Amino acid sequence: MTRPLSPDRECEFQELLAFVSFYMTHVSGVTPTPTLSIETVCAGIIEQHGKSKALEGLRQAANDVIEELSGKRAAGVAALDEALHASGLITASEVRRRYASSYKRITKRGTIRNDTEYYLINGIVVDLASAISDEERATLQRLLDRYEVAARGKP
């Protein structure tokens, strides 16, 4: 028998399940059925392998969504964030901040190298529902500002 998730991990599970379900239905256009939905897939994983494994799968699905969104314009991500927030769900920008390895690399490195990284960081900064501290938001804004100054200086 598997142990139950900690309260924090249970909250993460519920947030990611709702996020991935919303994205699959409203963005990808997948119509869930009683036998095939993210919820039924998770239920099957939970039954066979436990909720921790289902949480791992949801994290991977969330990362896949973030990768899919990496090529989208900031306005498109902002519109998705608004729809998610209006539905009481975690925003894509917040998921990106929490789980995207590229976000972690950028913040560790302390510089933005290209437009893709710029849009990733910009999406997080403009998402006022994102659970980042004022200090982290200010740090990210400085990265954006430095990138913009450098980009203007290029011929």
C-alpha atoms as a PDB file:
ATOM      1  CA  MET A   1       0.000   0.000   0.000  1.00  0.00           C
ATOM      2  CA  THR A   2       1.294   3.452  -0.875  1.00  0.00           C
ATOM      3  CA  ARG A   3       1.401   6.293   1.566  1.00  0.00           C
ATOM      4  CA  PRO A   4      -0.770   9.347   1.003  1.00  0.00           C
ATOM      5  CA  LEU A   5       0.846  12.506  -0.350  1.00  0.00           C
ATOM      6  CA  SER A   6       1.875  15.271   2.016  1.00  0.00           C
ATOM      7  CA  PRO A   7      -0.561  18.211   2.077  1.00  0.00           C
ATOM      8  CA  ASP A   8       1.779  20.293  -0.137  1.00  0.00           C
ATOM      9  CA  ARG A   9       2.178  17.522  -2.686  1.00  0.00           C
ATOM     10  CA  GLU A  10      -1.577  16.824  -2.635  1.00  0.00           C
ATOM     11  CA  CYS A  11      -2.185  20.510  -3.372  1.00  0.00           C
ATOM     12  CA  GLU A  12       0.392  20.350  -6.192  1.00  0.00           C
ATOM     13  CA  PHE A  13      -1.329  17.234  -7.567  1.00  0.00           C
ATOM     14  CA  GLN A  14      -4.743  18.928  -7.611  1.00  0.00           C
ATOM     15  CA  GLU A  15      -3.362  22.151  -9.162  1.00  0.00           C
ATOM     16  CA  LEU A  16      -1.529  20.310 -11.935  1.00  0.00           C
ATOM     17  CA  LEU A  17      -4.437  17.977 -12.632  1.00  0.00           C
ATOM     18  CA  ALA A  18      -6.772  20.943 -13.101  1.00  0.00           C
ATOM     19  CA  PHE A  19      -4.170  22.853 -15.161  1.00  0.00           C
ATOM     20  CA  VAL A  20      -3.413  19.983 -17.540  1.00  0.00           C
ATOM     21  CA  SER A  21      -7.114  19.129 -17.864  1.00  0.00           C
ATOM     22  CA  PHE A  22      -7.982  22.759 -18.718  1.00  0.00           C
ATOM     23  CA  TYR A  23      -5.163  22.969 -21.253  1.00  0.00           C
ATOM     24  CA  MET A  24      -6.068  19.694 -22.936  1.00  0.00           C
ATOM     25  CA  THR A  25      -9.738  20.661 -23.185  1.00  0.00           C
ATOM     26  CA  HIS A  26      -9.613  24.396 -23.923  1.00  0.00           C
ATOM     27  CA  VAL A  27      -6.351  24.794 -25.826  1.00  0.00           C
ATOM     28  CA  SER A  28      -5.590  21.433 -27.404  1.00  0.00           C
ATOM     29  CA  GLY A  29      -9.259  20.813 -28.147  1.00  0.00           C
ATOM     30  CA  VAL A  30      -9.341  17.292 -26.716  1.00  0.00           C
ATOM     31  CA  THR A  31     -12.862  16.379 -25.689  1.00  0.00           C
ATOM     32  CA  PRO A  32     -12.664  14.197 -22.595  1.00  0.00           C
ATOM     33  CA  THR A  33     -14.840  11.114 -22.426  1.00  0.00           C
ATOM     34  CA  PRO A  34     -15.793   9.019 -19.395  1.00  0.00           C
ATOM     35  CA  THR A  35     -13.156   6.468 -20.410  1.00  0.00           C
ATOM     36  CA  LEU A  36     -10.437   8.821 -21.683  1.00  0.00           C
ATOM     37  CA  SER A  37      -9.492  11.989 -19.840  1.00  0.00           C
ATOM     38  CA  ILE A  38      -6.524  13.169 -17.833  1.00  0.00           C
ATOM     39  CA  GLU A  39      -8.511  12.294 -14.710  1.00  0.00           C
ATOM     40  CA  THR A  40      -9.102   8.690 -15.798  1.00  0.00           C
ATOM     41  CA  VAL A  41      -5.469   8.313 -16.873  1.00  0.00           C
ATOM     42  CA  CYS A  42      -4.337   9.581 -13.458  1.00  0.00           C
ATOM     43  CA  ALA A  43      -6.803   7.277 -11.703  1.00  0.00           C
ATOM     44  CA  GLY A  44      -5.317   4.307 -13.572  1.00  0.00           C
ATOM     45  CA  ILE A  45      -1.769   5.326 -12.642  1.00  0.00           C
ATOM     46  CA  ILE A  46      -2.811   5.808  -9.020  1.00  0.00           C
ATOM     47  CA  GLU A  47      -4.410   2.374  -8.957  1.00  0.00           C
ATOM     48  CA  GLN A  48      -1.394   0.645 -10.488  1.00  0.00           C
ATOM     49  CA  HIS A  49       1.548   2.674  -9.153  1.00  0.00           C
ATOM     50  CA  GLY A  50       0.347   5.138  -6.535  1.00  0.00           C
ATOM     51  CA  LYS A  51      -0.348   8.839  -6.396  1.00  0.00           C
ATOM     52  CA  SER A  52       3.345   9.806  -6.281  1.00  0.00           C
ATOM     53  CA  LYS A  53       3.818   8.297  -9.748  1.00  0.00           C
ATOM     54  CA  ALA A  54       0.692  10.078 -10.984  1.00  0.00           C
ATOM     55  CA  LEU A  55       2.132  13.340  -9.647  1.00  0.00           C
ATOM     56  CA  GLU A  56       5.367  12.676 -11.549  1.00  0.00           C
ATOM     57  CA  GLY A  57       3.298  12.166 -14.693  1.00  0.00           C
ATOM     58  CA  LEU A  58       1.416  15.417 -14.119  1.00  0.00           C
ATOM     59  CA  ARG A  59       4.695  17.284 -13.656  1.00  0.00           C
ATOM     60  CA  GLN A  60       5.919  15.895 -16.969  1.00  0.00           C
ATOM     61  CA  ALA A  61       2.636  16.818 -18.660  1.00  0.00           C
ATOM     62  CA  ALA A  62       2.929  20.348 -17.236  1.00  0.00           C
ATOM     63  CA  ASN A  63       6.494  20.595 -18.578  1.00  0.00           C
ATOM     64  CA  ASP A  64       5.232  19.412 -21.969  1.00  0.00           C
ATOM     65  CA  VAL A  65       2.615  22.188 -21.925  1.00  0.00           C
ATOM     66  CA  ILE A  66       5.286  24.747 -21.054  1.00  0.00           C
ATOM     67  CA  GLU A  67       7.481  23.506 -23.890  1.00  0.00           C
ATOM     68  CA  GLU A  68       4.510  23.764 -26.247  1.00  0.00           C
ATOM     69  CA  LEU A  69       3.911  27.337 -25.096  1.00  0.00           C
ATOM     70  CA  SER A  70       7.544  28.364 -25.538  1.00  0.00           C
ATOM     71  CA  GLY A  71       6.912  29.297 -29.162  1.00  0.00           C
ATOM     72  CA  LYS A  72       3.769  31.295 -28.410  1.00  0.00           C
ATOM     73  CA  ARG A  73       3.724  35.072 -28.281  1.00  0.00           C
ATOM     74  CA  ALA A  74       3.473  36.757 -24.904  1.00  0.00           C
ATOM     75  CA  ALA A  75      -0.058  37.975 -25.694  1.00  0.00           C
ATOM     76  CA  GLY A  76      -1.238  34.407 -26.286  1.00  0.00           C
ATOM     77  CA  VAL A  77       0.242  33.194 -23.021  1.00  0.00           C
ATOM     78  CA  ALA A  78      -1.254  36.210 -21.225  1.00  0.00           C
ATOM     79  CA  ALA A  79      -4.700  35.370 -22.640  1.00  0.00           C
ATOM     80  CA  LEU A  80      -4.315  31.759 -21.479  1.00  0.00           C
ATOM     81  CA  ASP A  81      -3.193  32.984 -18.045  1.00  0.00           C
ATOM     82  CA  GLU A  82      -6.285  35.191 -17.825  1.00  0.00           C
ATOM     83  CA  ALA A  83      -8.584  32.284 -18.720  1.00  0.00           C
ATOM     84  CA  LEU A  84      -6.890  29.993 -16.191  1.00  0.00           C
ATOM     85  CA  HIS A  85      -6.983  32.661 -13.477  1.00  0.00           C
ATOM     86  CA  ALA A  86     -10.663  33.400 -14.214  1.00  0.00           C
ATOM     87  CA  SER A  87     -11.350  29.691 -13.725  1.00  0.00           C
ATOM     88  CA  GLY A  88      -9.566  29.752 -10.367  1.00  0.00           C
ATOM     89  CA  LEU A  89      -6.644  27.672 -11.654  1.00  0.00           C
ATOM     90  CA  ILE A  90      -2.891  28.042 -11.539  1.00  0.00           C
ATOM     91  CA  THR A  91      -1.625  30.076 -14.502  1.00  0.00           C
ATOM     92  CA  ALA A  92       0.680  28.798 -17.220  1.00  0.00           C
ATOM     93  CA  SER A  93       3.247  31.422 -16.255  1.00  0.00           C
ATOM     94  CA  GLU A  94       3.224  30.183 -12.666  1.00  0.00           C
ATOM     95  CA  VAL A  95       3.613  26.574 -13.832  1.00  0.00           C
ATOM     96  CA  ARG A  96       6.468  27.726 -16.065  1.00  0.00           C
ATOM     97  CA  ARG A  97       8.129  29.475 -13.144  1.00  0.00           C
ATOM     98  CA  ARG A  98       7.814  26.428 -10.898  1.00  0.00           C
ATOM     99  CA  TYR A  99       8.740  23.674 -13.311  1.00  0.00           C
ATOM    100  CA  ALA A 100      10.540  24.929 -16.372  1.00  0.00           C
ATOM    101  CA  SER A 101      14.180  23.924 -16.319  1.00  0.00           C
ATOM    102  CA  SER A 102      15.000  26.800 -18.650  1.00  0.00           C
ATOM    103  CA  TYR A 103      13.615  29.259 -16.085  1.00  0.00           C
ATOM    104  CA  LYS A 104      15.896  27.764 -13.463  1.00  0.00           C
ATOM    105  CA  ARG A 105      18.901  27.945 -15.816  1.00  0.00           C
ATOM    106  CA  ILE A 106      18.209  31.606 -16.631  1.00  0.00           C
ATOM    107  CA  THR A 107      17.855  32.640 -13.003  1.00  0.00           C
ATOM    108  CA  LYS A 108      20.987  30.705 -12.004  1.00  0.00           C
ATOM    109  CA  ARG A 109      22.976  32.194 -14.903  1.00  0.00           C
ATOM    110  CA  GLY A 110      21.621  35.687 -14.262  1.00  0.00           C
ATOM    111  CA  THR A 111      21.269  36.635 -17.930  1.00  0.00           C
ATOM    112  CA  ILE A 112      18.791  36.256 -20.753  1.00  0.00           C
ATOM    113  CA  ARG A 113      20.465  34.977 -23.919  1.00  0.00           C
ATOM    114  CA  ASN A 114      17.747  35.094 -26.576  1.00  0.00           C
ATOM    115  CA  ASP A 115      14.184  36.119 -27.400  1.00  0.00           C
ATOM    116  CA  THR A 116      12.758  32.759 -26.300  1.00  0.00           C
ATOM    117  CA  GLU A 117      14.243  33.227 -22.838  1.00  0.00           C
ATOM    118  CA  TYR A 118      13.088  36.848 -22.857  1.00  0.00           C
ATOM    119  CA  TYR A 119       9.461  35.846 -23.493  1.00  0.00           C
ATOM    120  CA  LEU A 120       9.636  33.150 -20.823  1.00  0.00           C
ATOM    121  CA  ILE A 121      10.800  35.646 -18.179  1.00  0.00           C
ATOM    122  CA  ASN A 122       8.481  38.388 -19.427  1.00  0.00           C
ATOM    123  CA  GLY A 123       5.469  36.076 -19.122  1.00  0.00           C
ATOM    124  CA  ILE A 124       6.333  35.396 -15.503  1.00  0.00           C
ATOM    125  CA  VAL A 125       6.891  39.069 -14.664  1.00  0.00           C
ATOM    126  CA  VAL A 126       3.616  40.275 -16.190  1.00  0.00           C
ATOM    127  CA  ASP A 127       1.569  37.486 -14.579  1.00  0.00           C
ATOM    128  CA  LEU A 128       0.418  39.284 -11.444  1.00  0.00           C
ATOM    129  CA  ALA A 129      -1.200  36.065 -10.194  1.00  0.00           C
ATOM    130  CA  SER A 130       2.220  34.396 -10.136  1.00  0.00           C
ATOM    131  CA  ALA A 131       3.321  33.517  -6.626  1.00  0.00           C
ATOM    132  CA  ILE A 132       6.735  35.141  -6.874  1.00  0.00           C
ATOM    133  CA  SER A 133       8.049  37.559  -4.307  1.00  0.00           C
ATOM    134  CA  ASP A 134       8.441  41.246  -5.058  1.00  0.00           C
ATOM    135  CA  GLU A 135      12.195  40.728  -4.824  1.00  0.00           C
ATOM    136  CA  GLU A 136      12.159  37.903  -7.396  1.00  0.00           C
ATOM    137  CA  ARG A 137       9.901  39.956  -9.690  1.00  0.00           C
ATOM    138  CA  ALA A 138      12.332  42.902  -9.424  1.00  0.00           C
ATOM    139  CA  THR A 139      15.304  40.626 -10.179  1.00  0.00           C
ATOM    140  CA  LEU A 140      13.532  39.224 -13.242  1.00  0.00           C
ATOM    141  CA  GLN A 141      12.640  42.744 -14.379  1.00  0.00           C
ATOM    142  CA  ARG A 142      16.329  43.717 -14.186  1.00  0.00           C
ATOM    143  CA  LEU A 143      17.173  40.726 -16.407  1.00  0.00           C
ATOM    144  CA  LEU A 144      14.535  41.876 -18.902  1.00  0.00           C
ATOM    145  CA  ASP A 145      15.812  45.457 -18.820  1.00  0.00           C
ATOM    146  CA  ARG A 146      19.433  44.379 -19.432  1.00  0.00           C
ATOM    147  CA  TYR A 147      18.355  42.186 -22.347  1.00  0.00           C
ATOM    148  CA  GLU A 148      16.293  44.987 -23.894  1.00  0.00           C
ATOM    149  CA  VAL A 149      19.214  47.452 -23.619  1.00  0.00           C
ATOM    150  CA  ALA A 150      21.587  44.917 -25.189  1.00  0.00           C
ATOM    151  CA  ALA A 151      19.092  44.126 -27.972  1.00  0.00           C
ATOM    152  CA  ARG A 152      18.727  47.847 -28.822  1.00  0.00           C
ATOM    153  CA  GLY A 153      22.516  48.129 -29.062  1.00  0.00           C
ATOM    154  CA  LYS A 154      22.721  45.433 -31.770  1.00  0.00           C
ATOM    155  CA  PRO A 155      22.715  46.591 -35.401  1.00  0.00           C
END
